[in-house]
Amino acid sequence: MDAAQAQELNTLIKAVVNGDRRAFERLYRLTSPQLFAVALRTLGNRVWAEDVLHDCFITVWNSAPSFNPALSSPMTWMTHIVRNRCIDWLRSSYIRQVRNSEPITDEGFKPSGDEQNDARDKNQAERLHHCLQNLSSEQRQSISLAYYQGMSHSDIADWLQQPVGSVKSWIRRGLAHLRECVGL
C-alpha cells in the first residue's frame, strides 16, 4: 500500500468517526478483499471468514475514534482486528464442538483432481516448506506476512518495526532463493 492509499484510508477513518456512512462504505470496498483473504487463510472456511469479516467491520465502525495513525497504518490496524477476531473465533467453544462433531470442508477451494495431481501438489508443498526453512528468519517472516497474510511492504515494516527497505530486500532475496531452491 502506497502513501496515497494510506492517506485516503486515514481520511476515510476520520470521516467514519464523524458517522459518515459513505466513507465507511468506501473504506469497506477498498479494504474488504484483502481483509477477507486474511480471514479466509486463517480460518480455512469461507462462511466463517465472511462472518468474522462482518464482525470486524462493526468493530471498525465502533472503534474508529480509537484509531491512532501515529501508531500504525489503517490497513495494519484493521488487519490486527481481523486476525485477533479469527483467533477468538477459532478458540470459541462452538467451533471446537463443530470440529469434534463433524468435519467441515470448504469444497469451493479444493481443486477437483486425480491422485496423481494430489501427489504432485503435496510434493511441491513439501519442497516449498523445505526451501522456506533454509531462509533467514527475517526473509521467512517477511515472505510469510506478504504472501500468506496479504500484507504490503509498509505494513510488514510496521509489524516488524523495521525499515521498509530492509523488508523489501529480505523479500526480494528470499524469493530469489526460493526460485532457485524450488527450481522455477
N, C-alpha and C. Protein backbone atom coordinates (compact mmCIF):
# COMPACT_ATOMS: atom_id res chain seq x y z
N MET A 1 0.85 -1.16 0.00
CA MET A 1 0.00 0.00 0.00
C MET A 1 0.90 1.23 0.00
N ASP A 2 0.65 2.14 -0.93
CA ASP A 2 1.49 3.32 -1.00
C ASP A 2 0.97 4.41 -0.07
N ALA A 3 1.72 5.51 0.00
CA ALA A 3 1.39 6.58 0.94
C ALA A 3 0.05 7.23 0.60
N ALA A 4 -0.26 7.36 -0.68
CA ALA A 4 -1.53 7.99 -1.08
C ALA A 4 -2.72 7.14 -0.64
N GLN A 5 -2.59 5.82 -0.79
CA GLN A 5 -3.68 4.93 -0.36
C GLN A 5 -3.83 4.98 1.16
N ALA A 6 -2.72 4.97 1.86
CA ALA A 6 -2.77 5.04 3.33
C ALA A 6 -3.41 6.36 3.77
N GLN A 7 -3.08 7.44 3.08
CA GLN A 7 -3.67 8.74 3.42
C GLN A 7 -5.17 8.73 3.15
N GLU A 8 -5.59 8.11 2.05
CA GLU A 8 -7.02 8.01 1.77
C GLU A 8 -7.74 7.21 2.86
N LEU A 9 -7.14 6.11 3.29
CA LEU A 9 -7.75 5.32 4.36
C LEU A 9 -7.81 6.11 5.67
N ASN A 10 -6.76 6.87 5.97
CA ASN A 10 -6.77 7.73 7.16
C ASN A 10 -7.93 8.73 7.09
N THR A 11 -8.10 9.34 5.92
CA THR A 11 -9.19 10.31 5.73
C THR A 11 -10.55 9.63 5.89
N LEU A 12 -10.68 8.44 5.34
CA LEU A 12 -11.95 7.72 5.46
C LEU A 12 -12.26 7.37 6.91
N ILE A 13 -11.25 6.94 7.65
CA ILE A 13 -11.47 6.58 9.05
C ILE A 13 -11.87 7.82 9.86
N LYS A 14 -11.24 8.96 9.55
CA LYS A 14 -11.64 10.21 10.22
C LYS A 14 -13.10 10.53 9.93
N ALA A 15 -13.54 10.30 8.69
CA ALA A 15 -14.93 10.55 8.33
C ALA A 15 -15.86 9.56 9.03
N VAL A 16 -15.41 8.32 9.19
CA VAL A 16 -16.20 7.31 9.89
C VAL A 16 -16.40 7.71 11.35
N VAL A 17 -15.40 8.31 11.95
CA VAL A 17 -15.51 8.79 13.33
C VAL A 17 -16.68 9.76 13.45
N ASN A 18 -16.90 10.54 12.40
CA ASN A 18 -17.99 11.52 12.39
C ASN A 18 -19.31 10.92 11.92
N GLY A 19 -19.36 9.59 11.72
CA GLY A 19 -20.60 8.93 11.35
C GLY A 19 -20.91 8.92 9.87
N ASP A 20 -19.92 9.17 9.02
CA ASP A 20 -20.13 9.22 7.56
C ASP A 20 -20.25 7.79 7.01
N ARG A 21 -21.47 7.42 6.64
CA ARG A 21 -21.73 6.07 6.14
C ARG A 21 -21.13 5.85 4.75
N ARG A 22 -21.10 6.89 3.94
CA ARG A 22 -20.48 6.75 2.60
C ARG A 22 -18.98 6.50 2.71
N ALA A 23 -18.35 7.16 3.65
CA ALA A 23 -16.92 6.93 3.88
C ALA A 23 -16.69 5.50 4.36
N PHE A 24 -17.58 5.02 5.22
CA PHE A 24 -17.47 3.65 5.72
C PHE A 24 -17.64 2.66 4.56
N GLU A 25 -18.59 2.92 3.68
CA GLU A 25 -18.79 2.05 2.52
C GLU A 25 -17.55 2.05 1.63
N ARG A 26 -16.96 3.21 1.41
CA ARG A 26 -15.74 3.30 0.60
C ARG A 26 -14.59 2.55 1.29
N LEU A 27 -14.48 2.72 2.59
CA LEU A 27 -13.45 2.01 3.36
C LEU A 27 -13.64 0.50 3.20
N TYR A 28 -14.86 0.06 3.30
CA TYR A 28 -15.16 -1.37 3.13
C TYR A 28 -14.76 -1.85 1.74
N ARG A 29 -15.15 -1.12 0.71
CA ARG A 29 -14.85 -1.53 -0.67
C ARG A 29 -13.35 -1.58 -0.95
N LEU A 30 -12.60 -0.68 -0.34
CA LEU A 30 -11.16 -0.65 -0.57
C LEU A 30 -10.40 -1.74 0.19
N THR A 31 -10.89 -2.09 1.38
CA THR A 31 -10.10 -2.97 2.25
C THR A 31 -10.64 -4.38 2.40
N SER A 32 -11.92 -4.58 2.12
CA SER A 32 -12.51 -5.90 2.41
C SER A 32 -11.88 -7.05 1.63
N PRO A 33 -11.48 -6.88 0.36
CA PRO A 33 -10.87 -8.05 -0.30
C PRO A 33 -9.61 -8.55 0.41
N GLN A 34 -8.74 -7.65 0.80
CA GLN A 34 -7.51 -8.06 1.47
C GLN A 34 -7.81 -8.61 2.87
N LEU A 35 -8.72 -7.97 3.58
CA LEU A 35 -9.06 -8.45 4.93
C LEU A 35 -9.79 -9.79 4.88
N PHE A 36 -10.62 -9.98 3.87
CA PHE A 36 -11.30 -11.27 3.71
C PHE A 36 -10.27 -12.36 3.44
N ALA A 37 -9.26 -12.05 2.63
CA ALA A 37 -8.22 -13.04 2.33
C ALA A 37 -7.48 -13.45 3.61
N VAL A 38 -7.22 -12.50 4.48
CA VAL A 38 -6.56 -12.81 5.76
C VAL A 38 -7.45 -13.73 6.59
N ALA A 39 -8.73 -13.39 6.67
CA ALA A 39 -9.67 -14.21 7.45
C ALA A 39 -9.80 -15.61 6.86
N LEU A 40 -9.89 -15.69 5.55
CA LEU A 40 -10.05 -16.99 4.89
C LEU A 40 -8.81 -17.87 5.09
N ARG A 41 -7.63 -17.29 4.96
CA ARG A 41 -6.40 -18.07 5.17
C ARG A 41 -6.29 -18.52 6.62
N THR A 42 -6.72 -17.68 7.54
CA THR A 42 -6.61 -18.01 8.96
C THR A 42 -7.61 -19.08 9.36
N LEU A 43 -8.84 -18.94 8.90
CA LEU A 43 -9.92 -19.83 9.32
C LEU A 43 -10.08 -21.06 8.43
N GLY A 44 -9.75 -20.93 7.16
CA GLY A 44 -9.87 -22.06 6.24
C GLY A 44 -11.30 -22.41 5.87
N ASN A 45 -12.24 -21.51 6.13
CA ASN A 45 -13.64 -21.77 5.84
C ASN A 45 -14.28 -20.46 5.39
N ARG A 46 -14.86 -20.47 4.21
CA ARG A 46 -15.41 -19.26 3.60
C ARG A 46 -16.54 -18.65 4.44
N VAL A 47 -17.45 -19.47 4.93
CA VAL A 47 -18.58 -18.97 5.71
C VAL A 47 -18.09 -18.32 7.00
N TRP A 48 -17.17 -18.97 7.69
CA TRP A 48 -16.62 -18.40 8.91
C TRP A 48 -15.92 -17.07 8.61
N ALA A 49 -15.14 -17.04 7.52
CA ALA A 49 -14.41 -15.82 7.16
C ALA A 49 -15.37 -14.67 6.89
N GLU A 50 -16.49 -14.96 6.23
CA GLU A 50 -17.49 -13.92 5.97
C GLU A 50 -18.08 -13.40 7.27
N ASP A 51 -18.39 -14.30 8.20
CA ASP A 51 -18.94 -13.90 9.49
C ASP A 51 -17.94 -13.04 10.27
N VAL A 52 -16.71 -13.47 10.30
CA VAL A 52 -15.68 -12.73 11.03
C VAL A 52 -15.47 -11.36 10.40
N LEU A 53 -15.43 -11.29 9.08
CA LEU A 53 -15.22 -10.00 8.41
C LEU A 53 -16.36 -9.05 8.75
N HIS A 54 -17.57 -9.55 8.75
CA HIS A 54 -18.73 -8.71 9.12
C HIS A 54 -18.54 -8.16 10.54
N ASP A 55 -18.20 -9.03 11.48
CA ASP A 55 -17.98 -8.59 12.86
C ASP A 55 -16.85 -7.56 12.94
N CYS A 56 -15.81 -7.77 12.15
CA CYS A 56 -14.66 -6.87 12.19
C CYS A 56 -15.03 -5.47 11.69
N PHE A 57 -15.85 -5.40 10.67
CA PHE A 57 -16.22 -4.07 10.18
C PHE A 57 -17.16 -3.36 11.17
N ILE A 58 -17.93 -4.10 11.93
CA ILE A 58 -18.70 -3.49 13.02
C ILE A 58 -17.73 -2.93 14.06
N THR A 59 -16.68 -3.68 14.34
CA THR A 59 -15.66 -3.22 15.28
C THR A 59 -14.96 -1.98 14.75
N VAL A 60 -14.65 -1.97 13.46
CA VAL A 60 -14.01 -0.80 12.85
C VAL A 60 -14.92 0.42 13.00
N TRP A 61 -16.21 0.26 12.73
CA TRP A 61 -17.15 1.37 12.86
C TRP A 61 -17.17 1.89 14.30
N ASN A 62 -17.24 0.96 15.25
CA ASN A 62 -17.33 1.36 16.66
C ASN A 62 -16.01 1.84 17.25
N SER A 63 -14.90 1.34 16.72
CA SER A 63 -13.59 1.67 17.29
C SER A 63 -12.83 2.72 16.51
N ALA A 64 -13.42 3.26 15.47
CA ALA A 64 -12.73 4.26 14.65
C ALA A 64 -12.19 5.43 15.49
N PRO A 65 -12.91 5.90 16.52
CA PRO A 65 -12.35 7.00 17.32
C PRO A 65 -11.04 6.64 18.04
N SER A 66 -10.81 5.37 18.28
CA SER A 66 -9.59 4.97 18.98
C SER A 66 -8.40 4.76 18.04
N PHE A 67 -8.63 4.82 16.72
CA PHE A 67 -7.53 4.62 15.77
C PHE A 67 -6.56 5.78 15.87
N ASN A 68 -5.27 5.45 15.94
CA ASN A 68 -4.21 6.45 16.02
C ASN A 68 -3.25 6.23 14.86
N PRO A 69 -3.28 7.12 13.85
CA PRO A 69 -2.40 6.93 12.69
C PRO A 69 -0.91 7.03 13.02
N ALA A 70 -0.58 7.57 14.17
CA ALA A 70 0.83 7.64 14.57
C ALA A 70 1.36 6.28 15.00
N LEU A 71 0.45 5.38 15.39
CA LEU A 71 0.88 4.06 15.87
C LEU A 71 0.96 3.02 14.76
N SER A 72 0.06 3.10 13.77
CA SER A 72 0.08 2.12 12.68
C SER A 72 -0.70 2.66 11.50
N SER A 73 -0.51 2.02 10.36
CA SER A 73 -1.30 2.38 9.19
C SER A 73 -2.71 1.85 9.36
N PRO A 74 -3.68 2.42 8.65
CA PRO A 74 -5.05 1.92 8.78
C PRO A 74 -5.18 0.44 8.43
N MET A 75 -4.47 0.01 7.40
CA MET A 75 -4.57 -1.38 6.98
C MET A 75 -3.99 -2.31 8.03
N THR A 76 -2.91 -1.90 8.65
CA THR A 76 -2.32 -2.71 9.72
C THR A 76 -3.28 -2.81 10.89
N TRP A 77 -3.89 -1.70 11.26
CA TRP A 77 -4.86 -1.67 12.35
C TRP A 77 -6.03 -2.62 12.07
N MET A 78 -6.58 -2.54 10.86
CA MET A 78 -7.72 -3.39 10.52
C MET A 78 -7.31 -4.85 10.38
N THR A 79 -6.10 -5.11 9.89
CA THR A 79 -5.62 -6.48 9.79
C THR A 79 -5.48 -7.10 11.18
N HIS A 80 -5.01 -6.32 12.14
CA HIS A 80 -4.91 -6.82 13.52
C HIS A 80 -6.29 -7.15 14.07
N ILE A 81 -7.27 -6.32 13.77
CA ILE A 81 -8.64 -6.60 14.22
C ILE A 81 -9.11 -7.93 13.66
N VAL A 82 -8.88 -8.14 12.34
CA VAL A 82 -9.32 -9.37 11.69
C VAL A 82 -8.59 -10.58 12.27
N ARG A 83 -7.29 -10.50 12.39
CA ARG A 83 -6.52 -11.63 12.89
C ARG A 83 -6.92 -11.98 14.32
N ASN A 84 -7.08 -10.97 15.16
CA ASN A 84 -7.48 -11.24 16.55
C ASN A 84 -8.88 -11.84 16.61
N ARG A 85 -9.79 -11.35 15.78
CA ARG A 85 -11.14 -11.91 15.78
C ARG A 85 -11.12 -13.35 15.26
N CYS A 86 -10.27 -13.65 14.29
CA CYS A 86 -10.15 -15.03 13.79
C CYS A 86 -9.64 -15.95 14.90
N ILE A 87 -8.66 -15.48 15.64
CA ILE A 87 -8.13 -16.28 16.75
C ILE A 87 -9.21 -16.53 17.78
N ASP A 88 -9.97 -15.48 18.11
CA ASP A 88 -11.09 -15.65 19.05
C ASP A 88 -12.09 -16.66 18.52
N TRP A 89 -12.39 -16.58 17.23
CA TRP A 89 -13.35 -17.48 16.59
C TRP A 89 -12.87 -18.92 16.71
N LEU A 90 -11.59 -19.14 16.41
CA LEU A 90 -11.05 -20.50 16.48
C LEU A 90 -11.01 -21.04 17.90
N ARG A 91 -10.87 -20.16 18.86
CA ARG A 91 -10.82 -20.59 20.27
C ARG A 91 -12.20 -20.80 20.87
N SER A 92 -13.23 -20.32 20.19
CA SER A 92 -14.57 -20.39 20.77
C SER A 92 -15.02 -21.83 20.97
N SER A 93 -15.82 -22.05 21.97
CA SER A 93 -16.28 -23.41 22.28
C SER A 93 -17.19 -23.94 21.17
N TYR A 94 -17.93 -23.06 20.51
CA TYR A 94 -18.81 -23.51 19.41
C TYR A 94 -17.99 -24.17 18.31
N ILE A 95 -16.90 -23.55 17.93
CA ILE A 95 -16.07 -24.09 16.85
C ILE A 95 -15.47 -25.42 17.27
N ARG A 96 -15.04 -25.53 18.52
CA ARG A 96 -14.49 -26.81 18.98
C ARG A 96 -15.55 -27.90 18.91
N GLN A 97 -16.79 -27.58 19.26
CA GLN A 97 -17.87 -28.56 19.19
C GLN A 97 -18.12 -28.99 17.75
N VAL A 98 -18.14 -28.03 16.83
CA VAL A 98 -18.38 -28.33 15.42
C VAL A 98 -17.25 -29.20 14.88
N ARG A 99 -16.02 -28.85 15.22
CA ARG A 99 -14.88 -29.62 14.73
C ARG A 99 -14.91 -31.04 15.25
N ASN A 100 -15.31 -31.22 16.50
CA ASN A 100 -15.34 -32.55 17.09
C ASN A 100 -16.51 -33.38 16.59
N SER A 101 -17.62 -32.74 16.25
CA SER A 101 -18.81 -33.50 15.87
C SER A 101 -18.80 -33.94 14.41
N GLU A 102 -18.42 -33.07 13.52
CA GLU A 102 -18.39 -33.45 12.11
C GLU A 102 -17.37 -32.61 11.37
N PRO A 103 -16.69 -33.20 10.42
CA PRO A 103 -15.71 -32.43 9.67
C PRO A 103 -16.40 -31.44 8.73
N ILE A 104 -15.87 -30.23 8.70
CA ILE A 104 -16.39 -29.22 7.79
C ILE A 104 -15.34 -28.99 6.72
N THR A 105 -15.76 -29.08 5.49
CA THR A 105 -14.84 -28.84 4.39
C THR A 105 -15.35 -27.68 3.57
N ASP A 106 -14.47 -27.02 2.94
CA ASP A 106 -14.82 -25.93 2.05
C ASP A 106 -14.49 -26.38 0.64
N GLU A 107 -15.42 -27.08 0.03
CA GLU A 107 -15.18 -27.71 -1.27
C GLU A 107 -14.85 -26.72 -2.37
N GLY A 108 -15.27 -25.47 -2.20
CA GLY A 108 -15.02 -24.47 -3.23
C GLY A 108 -13.54 -24.18 -3.43
N PHE A 109 -12.71 -24.51 -2.45
CA PHE A 109 -11.30 -24.22 -2.55
C PHE A 109 -10.44 -25.44 -2.81
N LYS A 110 -11.02 -26.60 -2.82
CA LYS A 110 -10.26 -27.81 -3.10
C LYS A 110 -10.41 -28.15 -4.57
N PRO A 111 -9.32 -28.05 -5.32
CA PRO A 111 -9.44 -28.35 -6.73
C PRO A 111 -9.77 -29.83 -6.95
N SER A 112 -10.68 -30.05 -7.87
CA SER A 112 -11.01 -31.45 -8.17
C SER A 112 -9.92 -31.99 -9.08
N GLY A 113 -9.33 -33.07 -8.68
CA GLY A 113 -8.23 -33.64 -9.46
C GLY A 113 -8.06 -35.10 -9.12
N ASP A 114 -7.14 -35.68 -9.80
CA ASP A 114 -6.90 -37.10 -9.56
C ASP A 114 -5.77 -37.26 -8.54
N GLU A 115 -5.50 -38.49 -8.19
CA GLU A 115 -4.49 -38.78 -7.17
C GLU A 115 -3.10 -38.34 -7.62
N GLN A 116 -2.84 -38.41 -8.92
CA GLN A 116 -1.53 -38.00 -9.43
C GLN A 116 -1.30 -36.51 -9.18
N ASN A 117 -2.32 -35.68 -9.46
CA ASN A 117 -2.19 -34.25 -9.20
C ASN A 117 -2.08 -33.96 -7.71
N ASP A 118 -2.84 -34.69 -6.90
CA ASP A 118 -2.75 -34.50 -5.46
C ASP A 118 -1.36 -34.84 -4.95
N ALA A 119 -0.77 -35.91 -5.44
CA ALA A 119 0.57 -36.31 -5.03
C ALA A 119 1.59 -35.26 -5.48
N ARG A 120 1.44 -34.74 -6.69
CA ARG A 120 2.35 -33.71 -7.20
C ARG A 120 2.25 -32.44 -6.35
N ASP A 121 1.00 -32.03 -6.02
CA ASP A 121 0.81 -30.84 -5.20
C ASP A 121 1.44 -31.01 -3.82
N LYS A 122 1.27 -32.20 -3.24
CA LYS A 122 1.85 -32.47 -1.92
C LYS A 122 3.37 -32.42 -2.00
N ASN A 123 3.92 -32.99 -3.06
CA ASN A 123 5.36 -32.99 -3.26
C ASN A 123 5.89 -31.56 -3.39
N GLN A 124 5.18 -30.73 -4.16
CA GLN A 124 5.60 -29.34 -4.33
C GLN A 124 5.51 -28.57 -3.01
N ALA A 125 4.45 -28.83 -2.24
CA ALA A 125 4.28 -28.16 -0.96
C ALA A 125 5.41 -28.54 0.00
N GLU A 126 5.78 -29.80 0.00
CA GLU A 126 6.88 -30.25 0.86
C GLU A 126 8.20 -29.61 0.44
N ARG A 127 8.42 -29.52 -0.86
CA ARG A 127 9.65 -28.89 -1.36
C ARG A 127 9.69 -27.41 -0.97
N LEU A 128 8.56 -26.71 -1.12
CA LEU A 128 8.50 -25.31 -0.75
C LEU A 128 8.73 -25.13 0.74
N HIS A 129 8.13 -25.99 1.56
CA HIS A 129 8.32 -25.93 3.01
C HIS A 129 9.80 -26.11 3.36
N HIS A 130 10.44 -27.08 2.72
CA HIS A 130 11.87 -27.31 2.95
C HIS A 130 12.68 -26.08 2.56
N CYS A 131 12.36 -25.49 1.42
CA CYS A 131 13.10 -24.30 0.95
C CYS A 131 12.88 -23.12 1.88
N LEU A 132 11.66 -22.96 2.39
CA LEU A 132 11.38 -21.87 3.33
C LEU A 132 12.21 -22.01 4.60
N GLN A 133 12.45 -23.24 5.04
CA GLN A 133 13.23 -23.46 6.25
C GLN A 133 14.69 -23.04 6.07
N ASN A 134 15.15 -22.97 4.82
CA ASN A 134 16.54 -22.58 4.56
C ASN A 134 16.73 -21.07 4.48
N LEU A 135 15.65 -20.30 4.58
CA LEU A 135 15.75 -18.85 4.55
C LEU A 135 16.12 -18.33 5.94
N SER A 136 16.64 -17.10 5.98
CA SER A 136 16.86 -16.47 7.29
C SER A 136 15.49 -16.19 7.91
N SER A 137 15.47 -16.01 9.21
CA SER A 137 14.18 -15.78 9.89
C SER A 137 13.51 -14.50 9.38
N GLU A 138 14.31 -13.46 9.08
CA GLU A 138 13.75 -12.21 8.56
C GLU A 138 13.10 -12.44 7.20
N GLN A 139 13.78 -13.16 6.33
CA GLN A 139 13.24 -13.45 4.99
C GLN A 139 11.97 -14.29 5.09
N ARG A 140 12.03 -15.34 5.88
CA ARG A 140 10.89 -16.24 6.02
C ARG A 140 9.67 -15.50 6.59
N GLN A 141 9.89 -14.70 7.62
CA GLN A 141 8.78 -13.98 8.24
C GLN A 141 8.21 -12.93 7.29
N SER A 142 9.06 -12.21 6.59
CA SER A 142 8.59 -11.18 5.65
C SER A 142 7.80 -11.81 4.51
N ILE A 143 8.28 -12.90 3.97
CA ILE A 143 7.57 -13.58 2.87
C ILE A 143 6.25 -14.15 3.37
N SER A 144 6.26 -14.72 4.56
CA SER A 144 5.02 -15.28 5.11
C SER A 144 3.97 -14.19 5.32
N LEU A 145 4.38 -13.06 5.86
CA LEU A 145 3.42 -11.97 6.07
C LEU A 145 2.91 -11.41 4.75
N ALA A 146 3.78 -11.35 3.75
CA ALA A 146 3.37 -10.80 2.46
C ALA A 146 2.45 -11.75 1.71
N TYR A 147 2.79 -13.02 1.65
CA TYR A 147 2.06 -13.94 0.78
C TYR A 147 0.99 -14.76 1.49
N TYR A 148 1.13 -14.97 2.79
CA TYR A 148 0.12 -15.74 3.50
C TYR A 148 -0.86 -14.84 4.24
N GLN A 149 -0.41 -13.65 4.65
CA GLN A 149 -1.28 -12.73 5.36
C GLN A 149 -1.74 -11.56 4.48
N GLY A 150 -1.16 -11.44 3.28
CA GLY A 150 -1.59 -10.40 2.36
C GLY A 150 -1.16 -9.00 2.75
N MET A 151 -0.10 -8.88 3.52
CA MET A 151 0.34 -7.56 3.97
C MET A 151 1.26 -6.91 2.94
N SER A 152 1.20 -5.59 2.87
CA SER A 152 2.08 -4.83 1.98
C SER A 152 3.45 -4.68 2.63
N HIS A 153 4.43 -4.19 1.86
CA HIS A 153 5.76 -3.98 2.41
C HIS A 153 5.73 -3.02 3.59
N SER A 154 4.98 -1.92 3.45
CA SER A 154 4.93 -0.95 4.55
C SER A 154 4.21 -1.53 5.77
N ASP A 155 3.19 -2.34 5.54
CA ASP A 155 2.51 -2.99 6.67
C ASP A 155 3.46 -3.96 7.39
N ILE A 156 4.25 -4.69 6.62
CA ILE A 156 5.22 -5.61 7.22
C ILE A 156 6.26 -4.83 8.01
N ALA A 157 6.73 -3.72 7.43
CA ALA A 157 7.71 -2.89 8.13
C ALA A 157 7.14 -2.38 9.45
N ASP A 158 5.86 -1.96 9.43
CA ASP A 158 5.21 -1.53 10.67
C ASP A 158 5.13 -2.68 11.66
N TRP A 159 4.73 -3.84 11.17
CA TRP A 159 4.55 -5.02 12.02
C TRP A 159 5.87 -5.45 12.66
N LEU A 160 6.94 -5.48 11.85
CA LEU A 160 8.24 -5.93 12.33
C LEU A 160 9.06 -4.81 12.96
N GLN A 161 8.57 -3.58 12.83
CA GLN A 161 9.28 -2.39 13.30
C GLN A 161 10.68 -2.32 12.70
N GLN A 162 10.71 -2.46 11.38
CA GLN A 162 11.95 -2.41 10.61
C GLN A 162 11.76 -1.44 9.44
N PRO A 163 12.82 -0.94 8.85
CA PRO A 163 12.69 -0.06 7.69
C PRO A 163 12.07 -0.80 6.49
N VAL A 164 11.31 -0.08 5.69
CA VAL A 164 10.67 -0.67 4.52
C VAL A 164 11.71 -1.23 3.57
N GLY A 165 12.82 -0.53 3.41
CA GLY A 165 13.88 -1.00 2.51
C GLY A 165 14.42 -2.36 2.92
N SER A 166 14.57 -2.57 4.21
CA SER A 166 15.05 -3.87 4.70
C SER A 166 14.04 -4.96 4.38
N VAL A 167 12.76 -4.67 4.59
CA VAL A 167 11.72 -5.65 4.30
C VAL A 167 11.73 -6.01 2.82
N LYS A 168 11.82 -4.99 1.97
CA LYS A 168 11.85 -5.24 0.52
C LYS A 168 13.06 -6.10 0.14
N SER A 169 14.20 -5.82 0.73
CA SER A 169 15.40 -6.61 0.44
C SER A 169 15.24 -8.05 0.89
N TRP A 170 14.70 -8.24 2.10
CA TRP A 170 14.50 -9.60 2.61
C TRP A 170 13.57 -10.39 1.69
N ILE A 171 12.50 -9.75 1.26
CA ILE A 171 11.55 -10.45 0.39
C ILE A 171 12.19 -10.74 -0.96
N ARG A 172 12.87 -9.77 -1.56
CA ARG A 172 13.49 -9.96 -2.87
C ARG A 172 14.54 -11.09 -2.83
N ARG A 173 15.42 -11.04 -1.82
CA ARG A 173 16.45 -12.08 -1.73
C ARG A 173 15.85 -13.44 -1.37
N GLY A 174 14.84 -13.43 -0.51
CA GLY A 174 14.18 -14.68 -0.15
C GLY A 174 13.49 -15.33 -1.33
N LEU A 175 12.79 -14.51 -2.14
CA LEU A 175 12.12 -15.06 -3.33
C LEU A 175 13.12 -15.59 -4.35
N ALA A 176 14.24 -14.89 -4.49
CA ALA A 176 15.28 -15.37 -5.40
C ALA A 176 15.79 -16.74 -4.94
N HIS A 177 16.01 -16.88 -3.64
CA HIS A 177 16.46 -18.16 -3.10
C HIS A 177 15.39 -19.24 -3.32
N LEU A 178 14.13 -18.90 -3.08
CA LEU A 178 13.05 -19.88 -3.26
C LEU A 178 12.94 -20.32 -4.72
N ARG A 179 13.07 -19.36 -5.66
CA ARG A 179 13.02 -19.72 -7.08
C ARG A 179 14.12 -20.73 -7.42
N GLU A 180 15.30 -20.46 -6.91
CA GLU A 180 16.43 -21.35 -7.17
C GLU A 180 16.23 -22.71 -6.49
N CYS A 181 15.78 -22.68 -5.27
CA CYS A 181 15.61 -23.91 -4.49
C CYS A 181 14.49 -24.79 -5.06
N VAL A 182 13.36 -24.17 -5.40
CA VAL A 182 12.21 -24.92 -5.91
C VAL A 182 12.45 -25.35 -7.34
N GLY A 183 13.23 -24.57 -8.06
CA GLY A 183 13.55 -24.93 -9.43
C GLY A 183 12.67 -24.25 -10.47
N LEU A 184 12.27 -23.01 -10.20
CA LEU A 184 11.46 -22.26 -11.18
C LEU A 184 12.32 -21.36 -12.02
